[in-house]
Amino acid sequence: MKKFAVILTVIGASVFSTQVNAQSKSSSGDFTFAGGINVGLPVGDVHNIASFVLGAKIQGELKFADNITGVATTGYSHYFGKDLGGGVKINGGEVPILVGPRFYPSENFFVGAQIGVGFLTGDYNGTGFAYAPQIGYNADNFQAILAYDAVSKNGTVANIGLTFLYKFGGGK
């Protein structure tokens, strides 16, 4: 499963970067780059040991058609451990590398799904299959995204979170 996720991520990133190079030469409004913060509530196998999630993300989005885009995302999310007694806290994080499509049923609202590989850090440690179904709002200068971000490896490190991204260039 790990090899499949890594291969899929590399292929997706390669296709995405090739498309970005081709599109950036032909038109300047079809690609946007954004960065921002995410906050979330741990769910799944970590909800009993972590209290909240805080992180940062960067994203590239490439327009393929009027209502379809491709998205590549990475970042870091830290899971702050709860006090489990005796001063014991289990802290960890995730670094996902995700790619996937977005569909815009209207000009400002989207639904999407991304898959890839997730690197677990700290006490979580390891590599797993990452996925993030999402819905969001797209404005001229920012995006707000509600997502279920997860990395599965002998259990699931996941959160339901809000991401707020500032767009640095390009079109909607």
N, C-alpha and C. Protein backbone atom coordinates (compact mmCIF):
# COMPACT_ATOMS: atom_id res chain seq x y z
N MET A 1 0.82 -1.19 0.00
CA MET A 1 0.00 0.00 0.00
C MET A 1 0.87 1.26 0.00
N LYS A 2 1.98 1.21 0.76
CA LYS A 2 2.88 2.37 0.82
C LYS A 2 3.45 2.66 -0.57
N LYS A 3 3.92 1.61 -1.24
CA LYS A 3 4.53 1.80 -2.55
C LYS A 3 3.51 2.35 -3.53
N PHE A 4 2.27 1.86 -3.48
CA PHE A 4 1.22 2.35 -4.35
C PHE A 4 0.97 3.84 -4.11
N ALA A 5 0.88 4.26 -2.85
CA ALA A 5 0.63 5.66 -2.52
C ALA A 5 1.78 6.54 -3.00
N VAL A 6 3.01 6.08 -2.81
CA VAL A 6 4.17 6.87 -3.24
C VAL A 6 4.20 6.99 -4.77
N ILE A 7 3.97 5.88 -5.46
CA ILE A 7 3.97 5.89 -6.93
C ILE A 7 2.86 6.81 -7.45
N LEU A 8 1.66 6.69 -6.88
CA LEU A 8 0.54 7.52 -7.30
C LEU A 8 0.84 9.00 -7.06
N THR A 9 1.44 9.32 -5.93
CA THR A 9 1.77 10.71 -5.63
C THR A 9 2.82 11.26 -6.60
N VAL A 10 3.84 10.47 -6.88
CA VAL A 10 4.89 10.92 -7.81
C VAL A 10 4.31 11.14 -9.20
N ILE A 11 3.48 10.21 -9.66
CA ILE A 11 2.86 10.37 -10.98
C ILE A 11 1.97 11.60 -11.01
N GLY A 12 1.15 11.77 -9.98
CA GLY A 12 0.27 12.94 -9.92
C GLY A 12 1.03 14.24 -9.89
N ALA A 13 2.08 14.30 -9.08
CA ALA A 13 2.89 15.52 -9.00
C ALA A 13 3.59 15.80 -10.32
N SER A 14 4.06 14.76 -11.00
CA SER A 14 4.72 14.95 -12.29
C SER A 14 3.76 15.49 -13.33
N VAL A 15 2.57 14.90 -13.40
CA VAL A 15 1.57 15.38 -14.35
C VAL A 15 1.19 16.81 -14.02
N PHE A 16 0.99 17.09 -12.73
CA PHE A 16 0.60 18.43 -12.31
C PHE A 16 1.67 19.45 -12.67
N SER A 17 2.95 19.13 -12.39
CA SER A 17 4.01 20.10 -12.70
C SER A 17 4.18 20.29 -14.19
N THR A 18 4.00 19.24 -14.98
CA THR A 18 4.06 19.36 -16.43
C THR A 18 2.95 20.28 -16.93
N GLN A 19 1.75 20.08 -16.39
CA GLN A 19 0.62 20.92 -16.79
C GLN A 19 0.84 22.37 -16.36
N VAL A 20 1.42 22.57 -15.17
CA VAL A 20 1.69 23.93 -14.70
C VAL A 20 2.65 24.63 -15.64
N ASN A 21 3.72 23.94 -16.06
CA ASN A 21 4.68 24.55 -16.99
C ASN A 21 4.02 24.88 -18.31
N ALA A 22 3.22 23.97 -18.83
CA ALA A 22 2.56 24.22 -20.11
C ALA A 22 1.55 25.35 -19.98
N GLN A 23 0.77 25.36 -18.92
CA GLN A 23 -0.25 26.38 -18.75
C GLN A 23 0.35 27.75 -18.44
N SER A 24 1.42 27.78 -17.64
CA SER A 24 1.98 29.08 -17.28
C SER A 24 2.57 29.79 -18.50
N LYS A 25 2.98 29.03 -19.51
CA LYS A 25 3.50 29.63 -20.73
C LYS A 25 2.37 30.14 -21.61
N SER A 26 1.17 29.51 -21.49
CA SER A 26 0.09 29.89 -22.40
C SER A 26 -0.86 30.92 -21.81
N SER A 27 -1.10 30.90 -20.50
CA SER A 27 -2.01 31.88 -19.91
C SER A 27 -1.70 32.05 -18.44
N SER A 28 -1.78 33.30 -17.97
CA SER A 28 -1.36 33.58 -16.60
C SER A 28 -2.47 33.42 -15.58
N GLY A 29 -3.75 33.32 -15.97
CA GLY A 29 -4.83 33.28 -15.02
C GLY A 29 -5.30 31.90 -14.65
N ASP A 30 -4.66 30.83 -15.14
CA ASP A 30 -5.15 29.49 -14.92
C ASP A 30 -4.51 28.77 -13.74
N PHE A 31 -3.50 29.34 -13.11
CA PHE A 31 -2.82 28.72 -11.99
C PHE A 31 -2.82 29.66 -10.80
N THR A 32 -3.14 29.13 -9.62
CA THR A 32 -3.04 29.92 -8.39
C THR A 32 -2.20 29.18 -7.38
N PHE A 33 -1.46 29.93 -6.62
CA PHE A 33 -0.64 29.41 -5.53
C PHE A 33 -1.17 30.04 -4.25
N ALA A 34 -1.30 29.25 -3.20
CA ALA A 34 -1.85 29.77 -1.95
C ALA A 34 -1.15 29.15 -0.75
N GLY A 35 -1.20 29.85 0.35
CA GLY A 35 -0.65 29.35 1.60
C GLY A 35 -1.49 29.84 2.76
N GLY A 36 -1.49 29.08 3.83
CA GLY A 36 -2.29 29.50 4.98
C GLY A 36 -2.22 28.53 6.14
N ILE A 37 -3.21 28.63 7.01
CA ILE A 37 -3.24 27.83 8.24
C ILE A 37 -4.44 26.89 8.24
N ASN A 38 -4.30 25.83 9.04
CA ASN A 38 -5.42 24.94 9.26
C ASN A 38 -5.56 24.64 10.75
N VAL A 39 -6.79 24.51 11.19
CA VAL A 39 -7.10 24.13 12.57
C VAL A 39 -8.10 22.98 12.50
N GLY A 40 -8.01 22.06 13.45
CA GLY A 40 -8.92 20.93 13.38
C GLY A 40 -9.12 20.23 14.70
N LEU A 41 -10.09 19.33 14.68
CA LEU A 41 -10.38 18.47 15.82
C LEU A 41 -10.01 17.04 15.45
N PRO A 42 -9.18 16.39 16.27
CA PRO A 42 -8.79 15.01 15.99
C PRO A 42 -10.00 14.07 16.02
N VAL A 43 -10.03 13.13 15.09
CA VAL A 43 -11.07 12.10 15.03
C VAL A 43 -10.38 10.77 14.73
N GLY A 44 -11.14 9.72 14.72
CA GLY A 44 -10.57 8.41 14.42
C GLY A 44 -9.75 7.90 15.59
N ASP A 45 -8.66 7.23 15.28
CA ASP A 45 -7.85 6.57 16.30
C ASP A 45 -7.09 7.52 17.22
N VAL A 46 -7.01 8.80 16.90
CA VAL A 46 -6.26 9.74 17.74
C VAL A 46 -7.14 10.65 18.59
N HIS A 47 -8.46 10.53 18.50
CA HIS A 47 -9.32 11.47 19.23
C HIS A 47 -9.19 11.34 20.74
N ASN A 48 -8.77 10.18 21.25
CA ASN A 48 -8.62 10.01 22.70
C ASN A 48 -7.27 10.49 23.22
N ILE A 49 -6.30 10.69 22.33
CA ILE A 49 -4.96 11.07 22.78
C ILE A 49 -4.54 12.47 22.33
N ALA A 50 -5.31 13.09 21.44
CA ALA A 50 -4.97 14.44 20.96
C ALA A 50 -6.16 15.36 21.17
N SER A 51 -5.85 16.63 21.50
CA SER A 51 -6.93 17.57 21.81
C SER A 51 -7.27 18.49 20.64
N PHE A 52 -6.29 18.93 19.87
CA PHE A 52 -6.57 19.76 18.70
C PHE A 52 -5.40 19.69 17.73
N VAL A 53 -5.64 20.23 16.54
CA VAL A 53 -4.67 20.19 15.45
C VAL A 53 -4.43 21.61 14.96
N LEU A 54 -3.18 21.95 14.71
CA LEU A 54 -2.81 23.25 14.17
C LEU A 54 -1.70 23.04 13.16
N GLY A 55 -1.81 23.71 12.02
CA GLY A 55 -0.80 23.51 11.01
C GLY A 55 -0.79 24.59 9.94
N ALA A 56 0.03 24.35 8.93
CA ALA A 56 0.16 25.26 7.79
C ALA A 56 0.13 24.44 6.51
N LYS A 57 -0.42 25.03 5.45
CA LYS A 57 -0.51 24.35 4.17
C LYS A 57 -0.12 25.28 3.04
N ILE A 58 0.39 24.67 1.97
CA ILE A 58 0.58 25.39 0.71
C ILE A 58 -0.14 24.57 -0.37
N GLN A 59 -0.61 25.28 -1.38
CA GLN A 59 -1.43 24.64 -2.40
C GLN A 59 -1.21 25.28 -3.76
N GLY A 60 -1.20 24.48 -4.78
CA GLY A 60 -1.23 24.94 -6.16
C GLY A 60 -2.50 24.42 -6.79
N GLU A 61 -3.17 25.27 -7.56
CA GLU A 61 -4.42 24.85 -8.21
C GLU A 61 -4.37 25.26 -9.68
N LEU A 62 -4.62 24.30 -10.55
CA LEU A 62 -4.56 24.51 -11.99
C LEU A 62 -5.93 24.27 -12.60
N LYS A 63 -6.38 25.25 -13.37
CA LYS A 63 -7.69 25.15 -14.02
C LYS A 63 -7.57 24.34 -15.30
N PHE A 64 -8.40 23.27 -15.40
CA PHE A 64 -8.44 22.44 -16.60
C PHE A 64 -9.62 22.78 -17.49
N ALA A 65 -10.73 23.17 -16.87
CA ALA A 65 -11.96 23.53 -17.59
C ALA A 65 -12.66 24.60 -16.75
N ASP A 66 -13.77 25.12 -17.24
CA ASP A 66 -14.47 26.18 -16.50
C ASP A 66 -14.82 25.79 -15.07
N ASN A 67 -15.13 24.51 -14.84
CA ASN A 67 -15.54 24.11 -13.49
C ASN A 67 -14.74 22.95 -12.92
N ILE A 68 -13.58 22.63 -13.51
CA ILE A 68 -12.74 21.54 -13.01
C ILE A 68 -11.30 22.02 -12.88
N THR A 69 -10.72 21.76 -11.70
CA THR A 69 -9.31 22.10 -11.47
C THR A 69 -8.59 20.89 -10.90
N GLY A 70 -7.27 20.94 -10.95
CA GLY A 70 -6.42 19.96 -10.29
C GLY A 70 -5.69 20.67 -9.17
N VAL A 71 -5.53 20.00 -8.03
CA VAL A 71 -4.95 20.62 -6.86
C VAL A 71 -3.81 19.75 -6.32
N ALA A 72 -2.72 20.37 -5.92
CA ALA A 72 -1.63 19.71 -5.21
C ALA A 72 -1.43 20.46 -3.89
N THR A 73 -1.34 19.70 -2.80
CA THR A 73 -1.25 20.30 -1.47
C THR A 73 -0.19 19.59 -0.63
N THR A 74 0.49 20.37 0.19
CA THR A 74 1.37 19.81 1.21
C THR A 74 1.37 20.76 2.40
N GLY A 75 2.01 20.36 3.46
CA GLY A 75 2.08 21.19 4.66
C GLY A 75 2.46 20.36 5.86
N TYR A 76 2.13 20.87 7.02
CA TYR A 76 2.39 20.16 8.27
C TYR A 76 1.25 20.44 9.24
N SER A 77 0.73 19.39 9.85
CA SER A 77 -0.30 19.53 10.88
C SER A 77 0.20 18.84 12.14
N HIS A 78 0.15 19.57 13.26
CA HIS A 78 0.61 19.02 14.53
C HIS A 78 -0.59 18.66 15.40
N TYR A 79 -0.58 17.45 15.92
CA TYR A 79 -1.61 16.97 16.83
C TYR A 79 -1.11 17.15 18.25
N PHE A 80 -1.74 18.06 19.00
CA PHE A 80 -1.34 18.35 20.37
C PHE A 80 -1.96 17.31 21.30
N GLY A 81 -1.10 16.60 22.03
CA GLY A 81 -1.55 15.51 22.88
C GLY A 81 -2.28 15.97 24.13
N LYS A 82 -3.24 15.14 24.55
CA LYS A 82 -3.94 15.35 25.81
C LYS A 82 -3.07 14.80 26.94
N ASP A 83 -3.28 15.32 28.14
CA ASP A 83 -2.60 14.77 29.30
C ASP A 83 -3.25 13.43 29.62
N LEU A 84 -2.49 12.36 29.47
CA LEU A 84 -3.01 11.01 29.69
C LEU A 84 -2.78 10.52 31.11
N GLY A 85 -2.32 11.43 31.97
CA GLY A 85 -2.03 11.07 33.35
C GLY A 85 -0.54 10.89 33.55
N GLY A 86 -0.06 11.32 34.69
CA GLY A 86 1.36 11.18 35.00
C GLY A 86 2.24 12.02 34.09
N GLY A 87 1.70 13.07 33.51
CA GLY A 87 2.48 13.93 32.63
C GLY A 87 2.74 13.34 31.25
N VAL A 88 2.07 12.25 30.90
CA VAL A 88 2.27 11.60 29.61
C VAL A 88 1.39 12.27 28.55
N LYS A 89 2.03 12.70 27.47
CA LYS A 89 1.32 13.24 26.31
C LYS A 89 1.93 12.61 25.07
N ILE A 90 1.08 12.24 24.14
CA ILE A 90 1.54 11.69 22.87
C ILE A 90 1.32 12.75 21.81
N ASN A 91 2.41 13.32 21.31
CA ASN A 91 2.35 14.36 20.29
C ASN A 91 2.87 13.81 18.97
N GLY A 92 2.26 14.24 17.90
CA GLY A 92 2.73 13.81 16.59
C GLY A 92 2.22 14.75 15.53
N GLY A 93 2.60 14.47 14.32
CA GLY A 93 2.17 15.31 13.23
C GLY A 93 2.09 14.53 11.94
N GLU A 94 1.65 15.23 10.90
CA GLU A 94 1.57 14.63 9.59
C GLU A 94 2.03 15.62 8.53
N VAL A 95 2.72 15.10 7.53
CA VAL A 95 3.13 15.88 6.36
C VAL A 95 2.55 15.17 5.15
N PRO A 96 1.37 15.60 4.69
CA PRO A 96 0.79 14.94 3.52
C PRO A 96 1.28 15.57 2.22
N ILE A 97 1.36 14.76 1.19
CA ILE A 97 1.59 15.23 -0.17
C ILE A 97 0.42 14.69 -0.98
N LEU A 98 -0.48 15.58 -1.36
CA LEU A 98 -1.77 15.19 -1.94
C LEU A 98 -2.00 15.82 -3.31
N VAL A 99 -2.66 15.09 -4.17
CA VAL A 99 -3.11 15.61 -5.47
C VAL A 99 -4.53 15.13 -5.72
N GLY A 100 -5.28 15.91 -6.49
CA GLY A 100 -6.63 15.48 -6.82
C GLY A 100 -7.43 16.55 -7.53
N PRO A 101 -8.65 16.18 -7.95
CA PRO A 101 -9.51 17.11 -8.68
C PRO A 101 -10.44 17.89 -7.78
N ARG A 102 -10.90 19.01 -8.30
CA ARG A 102 -11.98 19.79 -7.67
C ARG A 102 -13.02 20.10 -8.73
N PHE A 103 -14.27 20.05 -8.30
CA PHE A 103 -15.39 20.39 -9.18
C PHE A 103 -16.09 21.60 -8.59
N TYR A 104 -16.33 22.61 -9.42
CA TYR A 104 -17.00 23.83 -9.01
C TYR A 104 -18.43 23.82 -9.56
N PRO A 105 -19.44 23.46 -8.73
CA PRO A 105 -20.83 23.49 -9.22
C PRO A 105 -21.33 24.92 -9.42
N SER A 106 -20.68 25.88 -8.74
CA SER A 106 -20.96 27.30 -8.96
C SER A 106 -19.61 28.01 -8.95
N GLU A 107 -19.62 29.30 -9.23
CA GLU A 107 -18.36 30.04 -9.36
C GLU A 107 -17.50 30.00 -8.09
N ASN A 108 -18.13 30.04 -6.92
CA ASN A 108 -17.36 30.16 -5.69
C ASN A 108 -17.32 28.91 -4.81
N PHE A 109 -18.14 27.92 -5.04
CA PHE A 109 -18.17 26.74 -4.18
C PHE A 109 -17.60 25.53 -4.91
N PHE A 110 -16.87 24.69 -4.15
CA PHE A 110 -16.28 23.50 -4.77
C PHE A 110 -16.39 22.29 -3.86
N VAL A 111 -16.27 21.13 -4.48
CA VAL A 111 -16.10 19.85 -3.79
C VAL A 111 -14.90 19.18 -4.43
N GLY A 112 -14.17 18.44 -3.64
CA GLY A 112 -12.99 17.80 -4.18
C GLY A 112 -12.53 16.64 -3.33
N ALA A 113 -11.54 15.95 -3.84
CA ALA A 113 -10.92 14.85 -3.11
C ALA A 113 -9.47 14.76 -3.54
N GLN A 114 -8.61 14.54 -2.58
CA GLN A 114 -7.19 14.40 -2.86
C GLN A 114 -6.68 13.11 -2.24
N ILE A 115 -5.69 12.49 -2.88
CA ILE A 115 -5.05 11.30 -2.33
C ILE A 115 -3.55 11.46 -2.49
N GLY A 116 -2.81 10.67 -1.72
CA GLY A 116 -1.36 10.72 -1.81
C GLY A 116 -0.71 9.95 -0.70
N VAL A 117 0.40 10.47 -0.25
CA VAL A 117 1.18 9.83 0.81
C VAL A 117 1.28 10.78 2.00
N GLY A 118 1.26 10.21 3.20
CA GLY A 118 1.38 11.02 4.41
C GLY A 118 2.53 10.51 5.26
N PHE A 119 3.39 11.41 5.66
CA PHE A 119 4.51 11.07 6.52
C PHE A 119 4.15 11.46 7.95
N LEU A 120 4.13 10.48 8.86
CA LEU A 120 3.78 10.74 10.25
C LEU A 120 5.05 11.04 11.03
N THR A 121 4.97 12.03 11.92
CA THR A 121 6.15 12.49 12.66
C THR A 121 5.93 12.34 14.16
N GLY A 122 6.99 12.56 14.90
CA GLY A 122 6.91 12.52 16.35
C GLY A 122 6.56 11.13 16.85
N ASP A 123 5.66 11.07 17.83
CA ASP A 123 5.27 9.80 18.42
C ASP A 123 4.46 8.92 17.45
N TYR A 124 3.92 9.49 16.37
CA TYR A 124 3.11 8.71 15.43
C TYR A 124 3.99 7.92 14.46
N ASN A 125 5.04 8.52 13.92
CA ASN A 125 6.09 7.90 13.13
C ASN A 125 5.64 6.86 12.10
N GLY A 126 5.95 7.11 10.85
CA GLY A 126 5.69 6.16 9.78
C GLY A 126 5.21 6.85 8.52
N THR A 127 4.82 6.05 7.55
CA THR A 127 4.31 6.55 6.28
C THR A 127 3.03 5.79 5.97
N GLY A 128 2.03 6.51 5.44
CA GLY A 128 0.77 5.86 5.14
C GLY A 128 0.06 6.49 3.96
N PHE A 129 -1.10 5.95 3.65
CA PHE A 129 -1.94 6.44 2.58
C PHE A 129 -2.71 7.65 3.08
N ALA A 130 -2.61 8.77 2.38
CA ALA A 130 -3.27 10.02 2.80
C ALA A 130 -4.43 10.32 1.87
N TYR A 131 -5.50 10.86 2.43
CA TYR A 131 -6.66 11.25 1.63
C TYR A 131 -7.39 12.40 2.31
N ALA A 132 -8.08 13.21 1.50
CA ALA A 132 -8.74 14.40 2.02
C ALA A 132 -9.94 14.79 1.16
N PRO A 133 -11.13 14.24 1.45
CA PRO A 133 -12.33 14.78 0.81
C PRO A 133 -12.61 16.17 1.38
N GLN A 134 -13.15 17.07 0.55
CA GLN A 134 -13.30 18.46 1.01
C GLN A 134 -14.41 19.19 0.28
N ILE A 135 -14.89 20.23 0.95
CA ILE A 135 -15.79 21.21 0.34
C ILE A 135 -15.23 22.57 0.70
N GLY A 136 -15.54 23.58 -0.12
CA GLY A 136 -14.96 24.87 0.20
C GLY A 136 -15.58 26.03 -0.53
N TYR A 137 -15.09 27.20 -0.14
CA TYR A 137 -15.50 28.47 -0.73
C TYR A 137 -14.27 29.13 -1.34
N ASN A 138 -14.39 29.57 -2.58
CA ASN A 138 -13.29 30.18 -3.31
C ASN A 138 -13.63 31.64 -3.61
N ALA A 139 -12.87 32.57 -3.05
CA ALA A 139 -13.04 34.00 -3.32
C ALA A 139 -11.86 34.49 -4.16
N ASP A 140 -11.85 35.77 -4.46
CA ASP A 140 -10.76 36.32 -5.29
C ASP A 140 -9.39 36.13 -4.65
N ASN A 141 -9.27 36.42 -3.34
CA ASN A 141 -7.96 36.40 -2.70
C ASN A 141 -7.76 35.31 -1.67
N PHE A 142 -8.79 34.52 -1.37
CA PHE A 142 -8.64 33.47 -0.36
C PHE A 142 -9.55 32.29 -0.65
N GLN A 143 -9.26 31.19 0.03
CA GLN A 143 -10.13 30.02 0.03
C GLN A 143 -10.35 29.58 1.48
N ALA A 144 -11.55 29.08 1.76
CA ALA A 144 -11.87 28.47 3.04
C ALA A 144 -12.31 27.04 2.73
N ILE A 145 -11.66 26.06 3.39
CA ILE A 145 -11.88 24.66 3.06
C ILE A 145 -12.23 23.87 4.32
N LEU A 146 -13.29 23.09 4.26
CA LEU A 146 -13.65 22.15 5.31
C LEU A 146 -13.30 20.76 4.78
N ALA A 147 -12.45 20.03 5.52
CA ALA A 147 -11.97 18.75 5.01
C ALA A 147 -11.83 17.73 6.13
N TYR A 148 -11.87 16.49 5.71
CA TYR A 148 -11.50 15.36 6.55
C TYR A 148 -10.12 14.95 6.08
N ASP A 149 -9.07 15.30 6.84
CA ASP A 149 -7.69 14.99 6.47
C ASP A 149 -7.25 13.75 7.22
N ALA A 150 -6.79 12.72 6.51
CA ALA A 150 -6.44 11.46 7.17
C ALA A 150 -5.20 10.83 6.57
N VAL A 151 -4.47 10.13 7.43
CA VAL A 151 -3.36 9.28 7.02
C VAL A 151 -3.61 7.92 7.67
N SER A 152 -3.70 6.88 6.85
CA SER A 152 -3.97 5.54 7.35
C SER A 152 -2.71 4.69 7.32
N LYS A 153 -2.35 4.18 8.50
CA LYS A 153 -1.22 3.26 8.66
C LYS A 153 -1.45 2.52 9.97
N ASN A 154 -1.91 1.31 9.91
CA ASN A 154 -2.22 0.55 11.13
C ASN A 154 -3.14 1.36 12.04
N GLY A 155 -4.14 1.94 11.48
CA GLY A 155 -5.04 2.86 12.17
C GLY A 155 -5.09 4.15 11.38
N THR A 156 -5.82 5.13 11.89
CA THR A 156 -5.99 6.37 11.15
C THR A 156 -5.68 7.58 12.03
N VAL A 157 -4.77 8.41 11.56
CA VAL A 157 -4.49 9.71 12.16
C VAL A 157 -5.30 10.69 11.32
N ALA A 158 -6.35 11.29 11.93
CA ALA A 158 -7.26 12.11 11.13
C ALA A 158 -7.80 13.29 11.92
N ASN A 159 -8.28 14.28 11.17
CA ASN A 159 -8.95 15.42 11.79
C ASN A 159 -9.98 15.98 10.83
N ILE A 160 -10.98 16.61 11.42
CA ILE A 160 -11.93 17.40 10.65
C ILE A 160 -11.49 18.83 10.88
N GLY A 161 -11.10 19.50 9.81
CA GLY A 161 -10.50 20.80 9.98
C GLY A 161 -10.93 21.85 8.98
N LEU A 162 -10.63 23.07 9.36
CA LEU A 162 -10.82 24.23 8.50
C LEU A 162 -9.47 24.75 8.08
N THR A 163 -9.34 25.02 6.79
CA THR A 163 -8.11 25.60 6.25
C THR A 163 -8.47 26.94 5.62
N PHE A 164 -7.67 27.95 5.93
CA PHE A 164 -7.83 29.28 5.36
C PHE A 164 -6.56 29.60 4.57
N LEU A 165 -6.72 29.77 3.26
CA LEU A 165 -5.57 30.02 2.38
C LEU A 165 -5.66 31.39 1.74
N TYR A 166 -4.53 32.08 1.70
CA TYR A 166 -4.41 33.35 0.97
C TYR A 166 -3.79 33.04 -0.38
N LYS A 167 -4.41 33.52 -1.45
CA LYS A 167 -3.91 33.29 -2.81
C LYS A 167 -2.88 34.35 -3.18
N PHE A 168 -1.73 33.91 -3.68
CA PHE A 168 -0.64 34.81 -4.03
C PHE A 168 -0.63 35.23 -5.48
N GLY A 169 -1.44 34.64 -6.33
CA GLY A 169 -1.44 35.07 -7.72
C GLY A 169 -2.34 34.23 -8.57
N GLY A 170 -2.53 34.66 -9.77
CA GLY A 170 -3.36 33.94 -10.72
C GLY A 170 -4.81 34.32 -10.59
N GLY A 171 -5.63 33.57 -11.29
CA GLY A 171 -7.07 33.84 -11.32
C GLY A 171 -7.83 32.99 -10.35
N LYS A 172 -9.15 33.05 -10.46
CA LYS A 172 -10.03 32.26 -9.61
C LYS A 172 -9.90 30.81 -9.97
